[in-house]
C-alpha atoms as a PDB file:
ATOM      1  CA  UNK A   1     -32.064 101.873-211.999  1.00  0.00           C
ATOM      2  CA  UNK A   2     -34.739 101.445-209.360  1.00  0.00           C
ATOM      3  CA  UNK A   3     -36.330  98.130-208.483  1.00  0.00           C
ATOM      4  CA  UNK A   4     -33.334  95.782-208.707  1.00  0.00           C
ATOM      5  CA  UNK A   5     -33.960  92.765-206.450  1.00  0.00           C
ATOM      6  CA  UNK A   6     -31.649  90.023-205.231  1.00  0.00           C
ATOM      7  CA  UNK A   7     -33.178  86.819-203.907  1.00  0.00           C
ATOM      8  CA  UNK A   8     -33.148  84.708-201.909  1.00  0.00           C
ATOM      9  CA  UNK A   9     -31.479  86.817-199.260  1.00  0.00           C
ATOM     10  CA  UNK A  10     -29.988  85.371-197.169  1.00  0.00           C
ATOM     11  CA  UNK A  11     -28.607  82.948-199.759  1.00  0.00           C
ATOM     12  CA  UNK A  12     -29.045  79.476-198.268  1.00  0.00           C
ATOM     13  CA  UNK A  13     -28.379  77.510-201.437  1.00  0.00           C
ATOM     14  CA  UNK A  14     -25.826  77.775-204.204  1.00  0.00           C
ATOM     15  CA  UNK A  15     -27.384  80.637-206.202  1.00  0.00           C
ATOM     16  CA  UNK A  16     -28.706  84.158-205.966  1.00  0.00           C
ATOM     17  CA  UNK A  17     -30.947  85.680-208.643  1.00  0.00           C
ATOM     18  CA  UNK A  18     -30.556  89.289-209.737  1.00  0.00           C
ATOM     19  CA  UNK A  19     -33.872  90.614-211.043  1.00  0.00           C
ATOM     20  CA  UNK A  20     -34.047  93.844-213.042  1.00  0.00           C
ATOM     21  CA  UNK A  21     -37.235  95.897-213.501  1.00  0.00           C
ATOM     22  CA  UNK A  22     -36.759  95.679-217.292  1.00  0.00           C
ATOM     23  CA  UNK A  23     -34.560  93.893-219.825  1.00  0.00           C
ATOM     24  CA  UNK A  24     -30.965  95.109-219.959  1.00  0.00           C
ATOM     25  CA  UNK A  25     -30.286  97.326-222.990  1.00  0.00           C
ATOM     26  CA  UNK A  26     -26.601  96.330-222.890  1.00  0.00           C
ATOM     27  CA  UNK A  27     -24.409  93.920-220.930  1.00  0.00           C
ATOM     28  CA  UNK A  28     -24.341  95.112-217.300  1.00  0.00           C
ATOM     29  CA  UNK A  29     -21.170  94.366-215.304  1.00  0.00           C
ATOM     30  CA  UNK A  30     -21.717  92.784-211.870  1.00  0.00           C
ATOM     31  CA  UNK A  31     -19.023  92.530-209.176  1.00  0.00           C
ATOM     32  CA  UNK A  32     -19.255  90.887-205.751  1.00  0.00           C
ATOM     33  CA  UNK A  33     -17.134  92.281-202.923  1.00  0.00           C
ATOM     34  CA  UNK A  34     -16.478  90.540-199.615  1.00  0.00           C
ATOM     35  CA  UNK A  35     -16.620  92.188-196.197  1.00  0.00           C
ATOM     36  CA  UNK A  36     -13.028  93.388-196.601  1.00  0.00           C
ATOM     37  CA  UNK A  37     -13.839  95.185-199.866  1.00  0.00           C
ATOM     38  CA  UNK A  38     -12.017  92.655-202.046  1.00  0.00           C
ATOM     39  CA  UNK A  39     -13.506  91.731-205.404  1.00  0.00           C
ATOM     40  CA  UNK A  40     -14.458  88.044-205.178  1.00  0.00           C
ATOM     41  CA  UNK A  41     -16.381  87.541-208.416  1.00  0.00           C
ATOM     42  CA  UNK A  42     -17.181  89.335-211.655  1.00  0.00           C
ATOM     43  CA  UNK A  43     -19.895  88.498-214.151  1.00  0.00           C
ATOM     44  CA  UNK A  44     -22.387  90.394-216.274  1.00  0.00           C
ATOM     45  CA  UNK A  45     -26.103  90.455-216.946  1.00  0.00           C
ATOM     46  CA  UNK A  46     -26.390  89.820-220.705  1.00  0.00           C
ATOM     47  CA  UNK A  47     -28.153  92.315-222.969  1.00  0.00           C
ATOM     48  CA  UNK A  48     -31.834  91.441-223.328  1.00  0.00           C
ATOM     49  CA  UNK A  49     -32.128  89.649-219.979  1.00  0.00           C
ATOM     50  CA  UNK A  50     -34.128  90.840-216.977  1.00  0.00           C
ATOM     51  CA  UNK A  51     -32.770  88.124-214.646  1.00  0.00           C
ATOM     52  CA  UNK A  52     -29.368  86.631-214.024  1.00  0.00           C
ATOM     53  CA  UNK A  53     -28.405  83.769-211.717  1.00  0.00           C
ATOM     54  CA  UNK A  54     -25.075  83.990-209.888  1.00  0.00           C
ATOM     55  CA  UNK A  55     -23.522  80.854-208.409  1.00  0.00           C
ATOM     56  CA  UNK A  56     -22.447  81.398-204.799  1.00  0.00           C
ATOM     57  CA  UNK A  57     -21.302  77.879-203.917  1.00  0.00           C
ATOM     58  CA  UNK A  58     -17.623  78.901-204.139  1.00  0.00           C
ATOM     59  CA  UNK A  59     -18.080  81.817-201.703  1.00  0.00           C
ATOM     60  CA  UNK A  60     -17.451  81.497-197.979  1.00  0.00           C
ATOM     61  CA  UNK A  61     -20.248  82.422-195.584  1.00  0.00           C
ATOM     62  CA  UNK A  62     -20.517  86.124-194.942  1.00  0.00           C
ATOM     63  CA  UNK A  63     -21.794  89.490-196.067  1.00  0.00           C
ATOM     64  CA  UNK A  64     -21.190  90.555-199.685  1.00  0.00           C
ATOM     65  CA  UNK A  65     -21.836  93.727-201.641  1.00  0.00           C
ATOM     66  CA  UNK A  66     -23.217  93.168-205.141  1.00  0.00           C
ATOM     67  CA  UNK A  67     -22.348  96.090-207.413  1.00  0.00           C
ATOM     68  CA  UNK A  68     -24.213  96.453-210.705  1.00  0.00           C
ATOM     69  CA  UNK A  69     -23.192  99.053-213.272  1.00  0.00           C
ATOM     70  CA  UNK A  70     -26.292 100.403-215.036  1.00  0.00           C
ATOM     71  CA  UNK A  71     -26.647 101.550-218.643  1.00  0.00           C
ATOM     72  CA  UNK A  72     -26.057 105.144-217.544  1.00  0.00           C
ATOM     73  CA  UNK A  73     -22.721 104.294-215.883  1.00  0.00           C
ATOM     74  CA  UNK A  74     -24.122 104.582-212.371  1.00  0.00           C
ATOM     75  CA  UNK A  75     -23.552 101.913-209.736  1.00  0.00           C
ATOM     76  CA  UNK A  76     -26.245 100.155-207.731  1.00  0.00           C
ATOM     77  CA  UNK A  77     -25.018  98.381-204.616  1.00  0.00           C
ATOM     78  CA  UNK A  78     -26.999  95.737-202.716  1.00  0.00           C
ATOM     79  CA  UNK A  79     -26.037  93.556-199.746  1.00  0.00           C
ATOM     80  CA  UNK A  80     -26.488  89.797-199.603  1.00  0.00           C
ATOM     81  CA  UNK A  81     -25.719  87.327-196.841  1.00  0.00           C
ATOM     82  CA  UNK A  82     -24.313  83.967-197.963  1.00  0.00           C
ATOM     83  CA  UNK A  83     -25.051  81.135-195.512  1.00  0.00           C
ATOM     84  CA  UNK A  84     -24.390  77.607-196.830  1.00  0.00           C
END
């Protein structure tokens, strides 16, 4: 899925928004990994939504990989920097 955006980046507040180019046709799993490759959070983008807000206030400052599983079972990975 092309055109997935995460903003703001760097994340200076308590939330990051995941924006899809079109509404999700099914629930899309989302996992955040820290710099050590550990899963730190799991959520999903609900079917029918084109945006999803993820709360980052419980994450420590640092670089994270956001992994989104698309409808076709492929994974899209994006980096975000969390700076409270």
